[in-house]
Protein backbone atom coordinates (compact mmCIF):
# COMPACT_ATOMS: atom_id res chain seq x y z
CA TRP A 1 0.00 0.00 0.00
CA ASN A 2 1.05 3.60 -0.70
CA PRO A 3 0.58 5.16 2.77
CA ALA A 4 -0.47 8.47 1.26
CA ARG A 5 -3.44 6.74 -0.37
CA VAL A 6 -4.54 4.75 2.67
CA ARG A 7 -7.88 5.52 4.28
CA ALA A 8 -8.21 3.37 7.37
CA VAL A 9 -11.09 2.70 9.75
CA ILE A 10 -11.07 1.05 13.20
CA ILE A 11 -14.12 -0.84 14.52
CA VAL A 12 -14.55 -2.21 18.06
CA CYS A 13 -17.10 -4.99 18.63
CA GLY A 14 -18.26 -7.18 21.50
CA GLY A 15 -17.60 -6.86 25.22
CA LEU A 16 -15.16 -4.49 26.88
CA CYS A 17 -11.64 -5.51 27.78
CA PRO A 18 -8.70 -3.76 29.48
CA GLY A 19 -6.31 -2.41 26.84
CA LEU A 20 -8.78 -1.57 24.07
CA ASN A 21 -7.76 2.08 24.06
CA THR A 22 -4.10 1.07 23.95
CA VAL A 23 -4.75 -0.96 20.79
CA ILE A 24 -6.64 1.95 19.19
CA ARG A 25 -3.86 4.37 20.13
CA GLU A 26 -1.09 2.22 18.70
CA LEU A 27 -3.01 1.60 15.47
CA VAL A 28 -3.57 5.31 14.89
CA ILE A 29 -0.04 6.38 15.76
CA THR A 30 1.57 3.61 13.70
CA LEU A 31 -0.58 4.39 10.65
CA TYR A 32 0.44 8.05 10.85
CA GLN A 33 4.12 7.10 11.34
CA TYR A 34 3.93 5.18 8.06
CA GLY A 35 2.54 8.24 6.30
CA CYS A 36 -1.21 7.64 6.44
CA THR A 37 -3.13 10.86 7.13
CA GLU A 38 -6.76 9.69 7.20
CA VAL A 39 -7.86 7.36 9.98
CA TRP A 40 -11.43 6.98 11.19
CA GLY A 41 -13.01 5.26 14.17
CA VAL A 42 -16.55 3.90 14.06
CA ASP A 43 -18.72 4.52 17.11
CA GLY A 44 -21.12 1.65 17.85
CA GLY A 45 -19.43 -1.39 16.32
CA PHE A 46 -20.56 -2.79 12.98
CA SER A 47 -23.89 -0.98 13.28
CA GLY A 48 -22.10 2.37 13.09
CA VAL A 49 -20.45 1.56 9.75
CA VAL A 50 -23.63 2.44 7.83
CA GLU A 51 -24.34 5.55 9.89
CA PRO A 52 -22.18 8.50 8.73
CA GLU A 53 -22.65 10.44 11.97
CA HIS A 54 -20.91 7.61 13.85
CA TRP A 55 -17.62 8.04 11.99
CA ILE A 56 -15.03 9.87 14.11
CA PRO A 57 -11.71 11.24 12.75
CA LEU A 58 -8.70 9.94 14.69
CA ALA A 59 -5.22 11.43 14.85
CA PRO A 60 -2.19 11.08 17.15
CA GLU A 61 -3.06 14.21 19.09
CA ASN A 62 -6.49 12.95 20.15
CA VAL A 63 -5.43 9.41 21.08
CA GLN A 64 -2.15 10.20 22.82
CA HIS A 65 -3.41 9.72 26.38
CA ILE A 66 -6.35 7.34 25.96
CA ARG A 67 -4.34 4.28 27.05
CA GLN A 68 -4.74 5.52 30.63
CA GLN A 69 -8.51 5.04 30.41
CA GLY A 70 -10.54 1.88 30.85
CA GLY A 71 -13.08 0.88 28.22
CA THR A 72 -12.89 2.29 24.70
CA ILE A 73 -13.29 5.72 23.12
CA LEU A 74 -15.07 3.96 20.25
CA ARG A 75 -18.25 2.59 21.77
CA SER A 76 -18.56 -1.11 21.17
CA GLY A 77 -21.63 -2.85 19.80
CA ARG A 78 -23.12 -6.27 19.15
CA GLY A 79 -25.00 -7.41 16.07
CA ASN A 80 -24.65 -5.90 12.62
CA PRO A 81 -26.50 -4.69 9.51
CA PRO A 82 -26.23 -6.71 6.25
CA HIS A 83 -22.59 -7.17 5.31
CA VAL A 84 -23.15 -5.97 1.76
CA GLU A 85 -24.45 -2.66 3.14
CA MET A 86 -21.33 -2.26 5.26
CA ALA A 87 -19.10 -3.07 2.28
CA ALA A 88 -20.94 -0.47 0.19
CA ALA A 89 -20.59 2.13 2.94
CA LEU A 90 -16.84 1.48 3.17
CA ARG A 91 -16.47 1.83 -0.62
CA GLN A 92 -18.46 5.08 -0.59
CA ARG A 93 -16.09 6.46 2.05
CA GLY A 94 -13.07 5.44 0.00
CA VAL A 95 -11.79 3.18 2.79
CA ASN A 96 -9.20 0.61 1.80
CA GLN A 97 -8.02 -0.69 5.20
CA VAL A 98 -10.36 -1.95 7.94
CA PHE A 99 -9.21 -2.99 11.42
CA VAL A 100 -11.76 -5.00 13.42
CA ILE A 101 -11.08 -5.47 17.14
CA GLY A 102 -13.29 -8.23 18.50
CA GLY A 103 -13.89 -11.86 19.37
CA ASP A 104 -15.10 -14.90 17.44
CA GLY A 105 -18.30 -13.37 16.11
CA SER A 106 -16.58 -10.11 15.22
CA GLN A 107 -13.84 -11.86 13.25
CA LYS A 108 -16.44 -13.90 11.42
CA GLY A 109 -18.21 -10.64 10.60
CA ALA A 110 -14.95 -9.12 9.36
CA MET A 111 -14.50 -12.04 6.95
CA GLN A 112 -18.08 -11.65 5.75
CA ILE A 113 -17.50 -7.94 5.07
CA TYR A 114 -14.47 -8.87 2.96
CA ASP A 115 -16.47 -11.49 1.05
CA ALA A 116 -19.31 -9.01 0.51
CA ALA A 117 -16.83 -6.44 -0.81
CA GLU A 118 -15.48 -8.98 -3.29
CA ALA A 119 -19.03 -9.80 -4.37
CA ILE A 120 -19.78 -6.17 -5.29
CA GLY A 121 -16.46 -5.71 -7.10
CA PHE A 122 -14.79 -3.78 -4.28
CA SER A 123 -11.43 -5.54 -4.41
CA ASP A 124 -9.36 -2.59 -3.19
CA LEU A 125 -9.96 -3.48 0.45
CA SER A 126 -7.84 -5.09 3.16
CA VAL A 127 -9.49 -6.33 6.35
CA CYS A 128 -7.36 -6.99 9.44
CA GLY A 129 -8.76 -8.83 12.45
CA ILE A 130 -7.33 -8.04 15.89
CA PRO A 131 -8.38 -10.77 18.35
CA LYS A 132 -9.98 -9.50 21.56
CA THR A 133 -10.74 -11.96 24.34
CA ILE A 134 -10.19 -11.23 28.00
CA ASP A 135 -10.40 -15.00 28.61
CA ASN A 136 -7.02 -15.76 26.95
CA ASP A 137 -8.57 -18.66 25.03
CA ILE A 138 -6.82 -18.46 21.64
CA ALA A 139 -4.53 -21.47 21.23
CA LEU A 140 -2.02 -19.75 18.92
CA LEU A 141 -1.36 -16.82 21.27
CA ASP A 142 0.60 -16.84 24.53
CA PHE A 143 -1.52 -14.03 25.96
CA THR A 144 -4.39 -11.86 24.73
CA PHE A 145 -4.48 -8.22 25.74
CA GLY A 146 -6.42 -7.53 28.92
CA PHE A 147 -5.82 -10.96 30.44
CA HIS A 148 -3.07 -9.94 32.86
CA THR A 149 -5.12 -7.00 34.10
CA ALA A 150 -8.13 -9.29 34.56
CA VAL A 151 -6.10 -11.77 36.62
CA ALA A 152 -4.66 -9.00 38.80
CA LYS A 153 -8.10 -7.48 39.46
CA ALA A 154 -9.65 -10.90 40.06
CA SER A 155 -6.93 -11.65 42.61
CA GLU A 156 -7.89 -8.50 44.50
CA VAL A 157 -11.50 -9.70 44.63
CA ILE A 158 -10.41 -13.12 45.90
CA MET A 159 -8.45 -11.41 48.65
CA SER A 160 -11.59 -9.48 49.68
CA ALA A 161 -13.54 -12.75 49.62
CA TYR A 162 -10.92 -14.37 51.84
CA VAL A 163 -11.15 -11.53 54.36
CA GLU A 164 -14.93 -11.93 54.51
CA ALA A 165 -14.73 -15.70 54.94
CA SER A 166 -11.96 -15.61 57.52
CA CYS A 167 -13.43 -12.81 59.63
CA ASN A 168 -16.97 -14.20 59.98
CA MET A 169 -17.80 -17.37 61.89
CA GLY A 170 -19.33 -20.17 59.80
CA CYS A 171 -18.87 -18.23 56.58
CA ILE A 172 -17.53 -19.18 53.15
CA SER A 173 -17.02 -16.94 50.12
CA LEU A 174 -18.03 -17.79 46.56
CA VAL A 175 -16.46 -15.83 43.67
CA LYS A 176 -17.67 -16.03 40.06
CA LEU A 177 -15.18 -14.80 37.47
CA MET A 178 -15.38 -14.16 33.74
CA GLY A 179 -14.70 -16.98 31.32
CA ARG A 180 -17.46 -17.88 28.89
CA HIS A 181 -15.73 -20.99 27.55
CA SER A 182 -12.44 -20.79 29.40
CA GLY A 183 -11.40 -20.95 33.03
CA SER A 184 -8.08 -19.17 32.50
CA ILE A 185 -8.90 -16.09 34.60
CA ALA A 186 -10.35 -18.19 37.42
CA LEU A 187 -7.43 -20.63 37.38
CA HIS A 188 -4.64 -18.05 37.25
CA ALA A 189 -6.26 -15.75 39.82
CA ALA A 190 -6.82 -18.69 42.15
CA MET A 191 -3.16 -19.73 41.88
CA ALA A 192 -1.98 -16.14 42.33
CA SER A 193 -4.07 -15.48 45.44
CA ARG A 194 -3.08 -18.62 47.41
CA HIS A 195 -6.38 -18.44 49.33
CA VAL A 196 -8.68 -20.60 47.20
CA SER A 197 -9.95 -23.92 48.56
CA LEU A 198 -11.82 -25.01 45.42
CA CYS A 199 -11.67 -23.75 41.82
CA LEU A 200 -14.18 -24.99 39.23
CA ILE A 201 -13.67 -24.35 35.50
CA PRO A 202 -15.58 -25.50 32.39
CA GLU A 203 -12.64 -27.45 30.96
CA VAL A 204 -12.92 -30.04 33.77
CA ASP A 205 -15.79 -32.48 34.30
CA ILE A 206 -17.38 -31.83 37.68
CA ASP A 207 -19.16 -34.19 40.07
CA MET A 208 -21.31 -31.72 41.95
CA ASP A 209 -22.18 -34.11 44.76
CA LYS A 210 -18.46 -34.65 45.50
CA CYS A 211 -17.89 -30.89 45.38
CA LEU A 212 -20.67 -30.24 47.88
CA LYS A 213 -19.35 -32.95 50.20
CA HIS A 214 -15.88 -31.40 49.98
CA ILE A 215 -17.25 -27.95 50.84
CA VAL A 216 -19.02 -29.39 53.88
CA GLU A 217 -15.83 -31.15 54.95
CA LEU A 218 -13.89 -27.89 54.66
CA GLN A 219 -16.39 -26.14 56.89
CA GLU A 220 -16.53 -28.96 59.42
CA SER A 221 -12.74 -28.92 59.68
CA LYS A 222 -13.17 -25.35 60.96
CA ARG A 223 -10.67 -24.16 58.39
CA ARG A 224 -10.52 -20.39 58.49
CA GLY A 225 -11.30 -18.58 55.24
CA VAL A 226 -12.87 -21.07 52.80
CA VAL A 227 -13.02 -19.49 49.33
CA ILE A 228 -14.56 -21.09 46.23
CA VAL A 229 -13.87 -19.69 42.75
CA ILE A 230 -15.81 -20.62 39.63
CA ALA A 231 -15.74 -19.52 35.98
CA GLU A 232 -18.98 -18.28 34.38
CA GLY A 233 -18.62 -20.94 31.68
CA LEU A 234 -20.05 -23.51 34.10
CA GLY A 235 -23.39 -22.05 33.02
CA ASP A 236 -22.89 -23.97 29.78
CA THR A 237 -21.46 -27.19 31.22
CA LEU A 238 -23.28 -27.76 34.51
CA LEU A 239 -26.40 -25.96 33.28
CA GLU A 240 -28.07 -25.51 29.90
CA ALA A 241 -27.77 -22.32 27.84
CA CYS A 242 -30.97 -20.77 26.53
CA GLY A 243 -30.99 -18.80 23.27
CA ALA A 244 -28.38 -16.33 22.03
CA ASP A 245 -27.67 -12.61 22.20
CA ALA A 246 -27.35 -10.18 19.26
CA GLY A 247 -23.73 -11.25 18.77
CA GLY A 248 -24.63 -14.93 18.52
CA ASN A 249 -23.26 -15.84 21.96
CA LYS A 250 -25.19 -18.33 24.07
CA ARG A 251 -27.26 -16.87 26.89
CA MET A 252 -26.00 -18.84 29.85
CA PRO A 253 -27.71 -19.14 33.24
CA ASP A 254 -25.82 -17.61 36.16
CA ALA A 255 -23.71 -20.51 37.41
CA GLY A 256 -22.63 -18.53 40.46
CA LEU A 257 -26.11 -17.97 41.83
CA TRP A 258 -27.04 -21.55 40.97
CA LEU A 259 -24.06 -22.96 42.88
CA LYS A 260 -24.77 -20.64 45.80
CA SER A 261 -28.29 -22.06 46.04
CA GLN A 262 -26.97 -25.63 45.83
CA ILE A 263 -24.56 -25.01 48.70
CA GLU A 264 -27.23 -23.31 50.78
CA GLU A 265 -29.60 -26.24 50.24
CA ARG A 266 -26.91 -28.71 51.32
CA PHE A 267 -26.18 -26.67 54.44
CA ALA A 268 -29.91 -26.51 55.24
CA ASP A 269 -30.32 -30.28 54.77
CA LEU A 270 -27.53 -30.82 57.29
CA GLY A 271 -28.97 -28.27 59.69
CA LYS A 272 -25.85 -26.13 59.52
CA PRO A 273 -26.21 -22.36 60.16
CA TRP A 274 -23.36 -21.47 57.79
CA SER A 275 -23.56 -18.49 55.47
CA ILE A 276 -22.20 -17.58 52.01
CA LYS A 277 -20.79 -14.27 50.78
CA TYR A 278 -21.19 -14.02 46.98
CA PHE A 279 -18.86 -11.96 44.76
CA ASP A 280 -19.45 -11.26 41.04
CA PRO A 281 -16.92 -8.63 39.84
CA SER A 282 -17.26 -9.24 36.08
CA TYR A 283 -17.94 -5.66 34.93
CA THR A 284 -15.47 -4.21 37.44
CA ILE A 285 -12.73 -6.36 35.90
CA ARG A 286 -13.43 -5.76 32.23
CA THR A 287 -13.79 -1.97 32.61
CA SER A 288 -10.50 -1.59 34.50
CA GLU A 289 -7.60 0.54 33.34
CA PRO A 290 -4.97 -1.79 31.81
CA ASN A 291 -1.91 -2.58 33.90
CA ALA A 292 1.66 -2.13 32.69
CA PHE A 293 1.75 -5.49 30.87
CA ASP A 294 -1.44 -4.82 28.90
CA SER A 295 -0.39 -1.26 28.09
């Protein structure tokens, strides 16, 4: 590509993740360093592509400090208009480079935009997919951006859960962490905190009766500070998903609240007056400012 002829656009799709603004910043600054002078950001994900008022001009001076912010300056979105309409809108704008930051569904959508562009004779288009998954569940990558921040923030929550469990008689803490199909955040945060008695992730088959017996045994041993950590993906392995959202992701039942009720029922059956403190920090974690590693 001749940098002087490049017109680039950046699109953010799907859920939030620490480090999104860092990725946007580096894309814009690098494009300008190569000589590109026209970079746009789309507000609202794929839906904003066909809405001219959602196109925002980006330049080094207005992205210089955004890496210090959580979230994204380009509002994310789920779902999308017809891909041929997006391809036509990109051609009308004279865009020839598209950068899509998103997960599985977003990357599939990026490929479909490229195919739609080819179908309407718009061959002067390059589409680049930038994988975004806070869960660190891409086999070819060592780490995905945002994962280290998520683990650090999750470890802080586990520490709070430990304090609650250890400072209240007959109390255990239950922490549900992000991880739609992966238990990476739960596993790494549990190992980092050193205070977790039981960690349940969707990659491992679980015998719930054995788990409940183990939890009772932990309480009966009068161990101080019993903390249980689970990944949200158990809503698709222990329970049954129902329907899908606008991005095509399964709508999973809340595995944390379900497990909490199972433990409470077991305690009641045994006549034990034990209590549970429930922690669900999902949105706190994914909206956090990125740490040094993810910046």
